[in-house]
Protein backbone atom coordinates (compact mmCIF):
# COMPACT_ATOMS: atom_id res chain seq x y z
CA MET A 1 -23.54 20.15 -5.84
CA THR A 2 -20.39 19.90 -7.94
CA ARG A 3 -20.15 17.21 -10.61
CA GLN A 4 -16.41 16.83 -11.13
CA THR A 5 -14.83 16.00 -14.48
CA PRO A 6 -14.07 12.26 -14.72
CA ASN A 7 -10.39 11.37 -14.82
CA TRP A 8 -8.63 11.38 -18.19
CA LEU A 9 -11.49 12.35 -20.47
CA GLN A 10 -10.37 13.99 -23.70
CA GLN A 11 -9.70 17.71 -23.07
CA GLY A 12 -10.92 17.36 -19.51
CA SER A 13 -9.64 19.86 -16.99
CA TYR A 14 -9.64 19.35 -13.25
CA ALA A 15 -7.67 19.94 -10.08
CA ALA A 16 -4.95 17.57 -8.85
CA SER A 17 -7.22 16.66 -5.94
CA VAL A 18 -9.63 15.01 -8.41
CA ASP A 19 -6.80 12.89 -9.80
CA ARG A 20 -5.90 11.80 -6.26
CA ARG A 21 -9.33 10.28 -5.75
CA LEU A 22 -8.44 7.31 -7.94
CA PRO A 23 -5.43 6.13 -5.85
CA GLY A 24 -7.56 7.07 -2.84
CA MET A 25 -10.08 4.41 -3.88
CA ILE A 26 -7.27 1.85 -4.20
CA TRP A 27 -5.43 2.92 -1.02
CA PRO A 28 -7.90 4.64 1.32
CA THR A 29 -5.36 4.02 4.07
CA ALA A 30 -1.57 4.25 3.91
CA ALA A 31 0.36 1.50 2.13
CA CYS A 32 4.06 0.91 1.58
CA TYR A 33 6.01 -1.17 -0.93
CA GLY A 34 9.74 -1.41 -0.24
CA GLY A 35 11.22 1.46 1.75
CA VAL A 36 12.86 -0.58 4.50
CA VAL A 37 15.01 1.58 6.81
CA THR A 38 18.56 0.50 7.68
CA VAL A 39 21.62 2.06 9.32
CA SER A 40 23.91 4.12 7.09
CA SER A 41 26.48 5.69 9.43
CA GLY A 42 26.39 7.87 12.50
CA MET A 43 22.89 9.27 12.95
CA THR A 44 21.97 8.77 9.29
CA VAL A 45 19.72 5.99 8.01
CA ASN A 46 18.99 4.70 4.51
CA ILE A 47 15.49 4.24 3.07
CA ALA A 48 15.48 1.57 0.36
CA VAL A 49 13.84 2.04 -3.04
CA GLY A 50 10.06 1.84 -2.91
CA SER A 51 6.74 3.64 -3.05
CA ILE A 52 4.25 4.86 -0.46
CA ALA A 53 0.58 5.76 -0.77
CA VAL A 54 -0.03 8.81 1.45
CA PRO A 55 -3.67 9.71 2.21
CA THR A 56 -4.17 13.46 2.48
CA ALA A 57 -5.37 15.09 5.69
CA ASN A 58 -7.89 17.26 3.80
CA ASN A 59 -9.67 14.16 2.44
CA THR A 60 -8.82 14.81 -1.20
CA GLY A 61 -7.61 11.31 -1.92
CA THR A 62 -4.19 9.68 -1.82
CA ALA A 63 -0.86 10.70 -3.37
CA VAL A 64 1.56 7.99 -4.52
CA CYS A 65 5.20 8.81 -3.71
CA CYS A 66 7.84 6.78 -5.58
CA TRP A 67 11.63 6.86 -5.54
CA ASP A 68 14.13 4.78 -7.54
CA ALA A 69 17.31 5.30 -5.52
CA VAL A 70 18.17 5.00 -1.84
CA GLU A 71 17.05 8.02 0.19
CA GLN A 72 18.67 9.16 3.45
CA CYS A 73 17.45 10.80 6.61
CA THR A 74 19.61 12.20 9.42
CA LEU A 75 18.41 12.21 13.01
CA ALA A 76 19.14 14.96 15.50
CA ALA A 77 22.01 14.39 17.93
CA ALA A 78 21.19 12.09 20.82
CA PRO A 79 20.15 13.61 24.16
CA ALA A 80 22.53 13.66 27.08
CA SER A 81 23.07 10.52 29.13
CA GLY A 82 20.18 9.89 31.51
CA SER A 83 17.53 10.77 28.92
CA ASN A 84 16.43 8.76 25.89
CA ARG A 85 14.26 9.49 22.87
CA TYR A 86 12.07 7.93 20.18
CA ASP A 87 12.20 9.37 16.67
CA LEU A 88 10.11 8.63 13.60
CA VAL A 89 11.30 8.55 10.00
CA VAL A 90 8.36 9.62 7.86
CA CYS A 91 7.55 10.16 4.20
CA GLN A 92 6.18 13.72 4.19
CA LEU A 93 3.88 14.79 1.35
CA ARG A 94 3.85 18.50 0.46
CA GLY A 95 1.44 20.30 -1.86
CA ASN A 96 -0.03 23.76 -2.22
CA ASP A 97 -3.60 22.46 -2.21
CA ILE A 98 -2.80 20.15 0.72
CA ASP A 99 -0.87 22.25 3.22
CA GLY A 100 -0.87 25.72 1.64
CA GLY A 101 2.92 25.72 1.17
CA ALA A 102 5.01 26.47 -1.91
CA ASN A 103 6.36 22.93 -2.37
CA ASN A 104 4.73 20.20 -4.44
CA ASP A 105 6.80 17.12 -3.67
CA PHE A 106 7.64 14.68 -0.89
CA LEU A 107 10.69 14.03 1.24
CA PHE A 108 11.85 11.84 4.10
CA VAL A 109 12.20 13.68 7.38
CA ASN A 110 12.88 12.84 11.01
CA VAL A 111 10.24 13.61 13.61
CA THR A 112 12.30 14.14 16.77
CA GLY A 113 10.69 12.91 19.96
CA THR A 114 10.94 14.47 23.40
CA ALA A 115 13.86 13.27 25.50
CA ALA A 116 12.92 11.73 28.84
CA ALA A 117 13.92 8.95 31.19
CA THR A 118 10.92 7.05 29.85
CA PRO A 119 10.27 8.56 26.41
CA THR A 120 7.13 8.27 24.30
CA VAL A 121 6.79 7.97 20.54
CA PRO A 122 5.97 11.26 18.78
CA ALA A 123 2.84 11.67 16.66
CA VAL A 124 2.95 11.26 12.89
CA PRO A 125 2.37 14.64 11.18
CA ASN A 126 -0.51 15.25 8.80
CA ASN A 127 0.08 14.15 5.21
CA ALA A 128 2.87 11.80 6.27
CA VAL A 129 3.42 8.07 6.70
CA ALA A 130 5.89 6.64 9.21
CA VAL A 131 8.28 3.96 7.94
CA ALA A 132 10.52 3.47 11.01
CA GLN A 133 10.54 4.13 14.73
CA ILE A 134 14.03 4.60 16.15
CA TYR A 135 15.08 4.43 19.79
CA VAL A 136 17.87 6.92 20.52
CA PRO A 137 19.66 6.23 23.82
CA GLY A 138 21.14 9.19 25.65
CA GLY A 139 24.78 9.82 24.83
CA SER A 140 24.82 7.58 21.74
CA ALA A 141 26.76 8.68 18.67
CA SER A 142 25.13 6.47 16.07
CA VAL A 143 21.96 4.57 15.25
CA THR A 144 21.99 0.89 16.22
CA ALA A 145 20.26 -1.54 13.87
CA GLY A 146 18.51 -3.26 16.77
CA ASN A 147 16.92 0.05 17.78
CA ILE A 148 15.07 0.44 14.45
CA THR A 149 11.48 -0.81 14.51
CA ASP A 150 9.81 -1.33 11.13
CA VAL A 151 6.44 0.45 11.16
CA ARG A 152 5.73 0.51 7.42
CA PRO A 153 2.03 0.01 6.68
CA PHE A 154 1.31 -2.85 4.33
CA PRO A 155 -1.70 -3.45 2.09
CA PRO A 156 -3.80 -6.63 2.22
CA PHE A 157 -2.71 -9.74 0.37
CA GLN A 158 -2.07 -8.98 -3.30
CA ARG A 159 -1.91 -11.37 -6.22
CA LEU A 160 1.34 -10.75 -8.10
CA GLY A 161 0.65 -13.23 -10.89
CA VAL A 162 -1.63 -16.07 -11.94
CA VAL A 163 -1.66 -18.63 -14.74
CA THR A 164 -4.15 -21.41 -15.57
CA ARG A 165 -4.11 -24.63 -17.55
CA GLY A 166 -6.94 -26.92 -18.53
CA PRO A 167 -9.41 -28.29 -18.05
CA GLY A 168 -8.89 -31.68 -19.65
CA ASN A 169 -5.30 -31.21 -20.80
CA ASP A 170 -3.18 -34.35 -20.79
CA LEU A 171 -0.09 -33.58 -18.78
CA GLY A 172 1.82 -36.43 -20.34
CA PHE A 173 3.63 -37.58 -17.23
CA THR A 174 4.02 -41.11 -16.06
CA GLY A 175 5.76 -42.49 -13.01
CA THR A 176 8.15 -40.53 -10.85
CA THR A 177 9.76 -38.12 -13.37
CA ASP A 178 9.25 -34.38 -12.74
CA THR A 179 7.09 -32.99 -15.53
CA PHE A 180 6.66 -29.26 -16.19
CA VAL A 181 3.08 -28.00 -15.91
CA MET A 182 3.38 -24.20 -16.14
CA GLN A 183 5.22 -21.17 -14.79
CA VAL A 184 4.56 -17.58 -13.75
CA THR A 185 6.97 -14.61 -13.72
CA VAL A 186 6.49 -11.84 -11.12
CA TYR A 187 8.30 -8.87 -9.61
CA VAL A 188 8.79 -9.11 -5.83
CA VAL A 189 9.41 -6.04 -3.66
CA GLY A 190 12.21 -6.40 -1.09
CA GLY A 191 11.31 -7.36 2.45
CA ARG A 192 8.11 -9.17 1.48
CA ASN A 193 6.96 -12.77 1.85
CA ILE A 194 5.14 -14.52 -0.96
CA ARG A 195 3.01 -17.63 -1.21
CA LEU A 196 3.04 -19.99 -4.18
CA GLN A 197 -0.43 -21.50 -4.31
CA VAL A 198 -1.98 -24.02 -6.67
CA SER A 199 -5.33 -25.71 -7.03
CA PHE A 200 -4.65 -28.98 -8.87
CA PRO A 201 -7.66 -31.17 -9.77
CA GLY A 202 -6.00 -34.16 -11.41
CA ALA A 203 -6.94 -37.67 -12.44
CA ASN A 204 -4.99 -40.92 -12.64
CA SER A 205 -5.43 -43.89 -14.98
CA ALA A 206 -6.26 -46.71 -12.54
CA VAL A 207 -9.01 -47.38 -10.03
CA VAL A 208 -6.65 -47.30 -7.07
CA ASN A 209 -5.74 -44.98 -4.26
CA ASP A 210 -2.54 -43.26 -5.26
CA ARG A 211 -0.27 -40.34 -4.47
CA ALA A 212 1.58 -38.01 -6.82
CA TYR A 213 3.75 -35.00 -5.96
CA LEU A 214 3.58 -31.32 -6.80
CA LYS A 215 6.83 -29.37 -6.81
CA PHE A 216 7.45 -25.63 -6.88
CA LYS A 217 10.76 -24.72 -8.50
CA GLU A 218 12.81 -21.67 -9.40
CA GLY A 219 15.19 -22.86 -12.07
CA ALA A 220 16.47 -26.22 -10.84
CA SER A 221 15.95 -25.38 -7.16
CA VAL A 222 13.01 -27.10 -5.47
CA LEU A 223 11.22 -24.57 -3.25
CA GLY A 224 8.52 -26.85 -1.88
CA THR A 225 6.89 -30.26 -2.37
CA CYS A 226 3.28 -31.21 -1.68
CA ASN A 227 1.46 -34.54 -1.76
CA LEU A 228 -1.27 -34.90 -4.39
CA ASN A 229 -3.61 -37.65 -3.23
CA PHE A 230 -5.90 -39.62 -5.57
CA ASN A 231 -8.88 -41.72 -4.56
CA ALA A 232 -10.19 -44.93 -6.11
CA ASN A 233 -12.44 -42.94 -8.45
CA PHE A 234 -9.41 -41.64 -10.32
CA GLN A 235 -9.76 -38.12 -8.89
CA SER A 236 -7.43 -36.00 -6.78
CA ASN A 237 -8.98 -33.92 -4.07
CA GLY A 238 -7.97 -30.77 -5.94
CA GLY A 239 -7.23 -28.81 -2.77
CA ALA A 240 -4.98 -25.79 -2.36
CA TYR A 241 -1.28 -26.58 -2.09
CA PHE A 242 1.24 -23.91 -1.23
CA ALA A 243 4.75 -22.93 -0.18
CA THR A 244 5.71 -19.66 1.55
CA LEU A 245 8.98 -17.91 0.64
CA ALA A 246 10.99 -14.79 1.47
CA PRO A 247 12.70 -14.06 -1.87
CA SER A 248 15.13 -11.30 -2.75
CA ALA A 249 13.80 -8.19 -4.48
CA GLY A 250 13.48 -8.45 -8.24
CA VAL A 251 12.05 -10.61 -11.00
CA HIS A 252 11.40 -14.28 -10.21
CA THR A 253 10.06 -17.11 -12.38
CA TYR A 254 8.35 -19.90 -10.46
CA GLY A 255 7.57 -23.23 -12.12
CA LEU A 256 5.03 -25.88 -11.18
CA TYR A 257 6.03 -29.51 -11.73
CA VAL A 258 4.28 -32.80 -11.03
CA ALA A 259 5.55 -36.34 -10.62
CA GLY A 260 3.58 -39.58 -10.28
CA GLY A 261 3.81 -41.83 -7.29
CA THR A 262 3.33 -45.09 -9.19
CA ALA A 263 5.36 -46.08 -12.22
CA GLY A 264 3.21 -46.92 -15.22
CA GLN A 265 0.22 -44.74 -14.37
CA ASN A 266 -0.73 -41.80 -16.54
CA TYR A 267 -1.89 -38.57 -14.91
CA ASN A 268 -3.82 -35.69 -16.43
CA LEU A 269 -6.29 -32.97 -15.52
CA GLN A 270 -9.90 -33.51 -14.68
CA THR A 271 -12.26 -32.90 -17.59
CA ALA A 272 -14.24 -30.12 -15.94
CA ASN A 273 -11.57 -28.31 -13.88
CA ALA A 274 -8.46 -26.25 -14.51
CA VAL A 275 -5.19 -25.93 -12.61
CA ILE A 276 -4.75 -22.45 -11.14
CA PHE A 277 -1.24 -21.37 -10.12
CA GLU A 278 -0.94 -18.08 -8.17
CA VAL A 279 1.82 -16.01 -6.60
CA ILE A 280 0.49 -13.93 -3.69
CA ASP A 281 2.23 -11.20 -1.69
CA VAL A 282 1.38 -11.96 1.95
CA GLY A 283 3.23 -9.12 3.67
CA PRO A 284 6.47 -8.55 5.56
């Protein structure tokens, strides 16, 4: 039995494979953030900025490959007319303790399929993750955008940010005016969808059925509006309210606002419950 040195202990010494076990626990299977493949020119494609978790074939964990500028990959010339081909663009991990080679890096390479009248998709090599499948018609001189199929692997839903308020905080809003509740700032990777989600257990000031409104905003732009229903016991149902977006890559600040449905009523939070506002990455 070998008891390996725990990661990052003072003066600890261990192989790179031990370090890879930590990302391997987070990403036991391949995962991709960014890295969308688009046409450049001719038979060359661009791979957008991103990062990929590549599990190793020798079961020594996962390596995280990151790049901060557009990468390119050039496909082989198309087959002659009458035959077609499928290619794969892959992120290929290389390491002496992984494949026995002299390189310790990663690169994007094309896996060229076999030309045929009815071609099949080639296999993904060991220590690699496919990001795009490309159909190459016989006799073509360039890659067509419509022939690129996105095959990037995506992780499960991930919370990008969360903020809470309450319980029992007076929101100080009356009537139909939009009142700021809270906001959360997150970084969104390109090509991803996000969900703005809030649990809002509120209370109104009169023993009547009533309806207020929750609004998600970015700056002055309203991204979504949800009904907030109150019953005759002053309480809202406190359910989950959400809007789904496809934002551009970069930093975004999302605000939660509330407005009453009845002029003259005061609205605040329930005494025993807090508002929870989350931004969740839900995939491509």
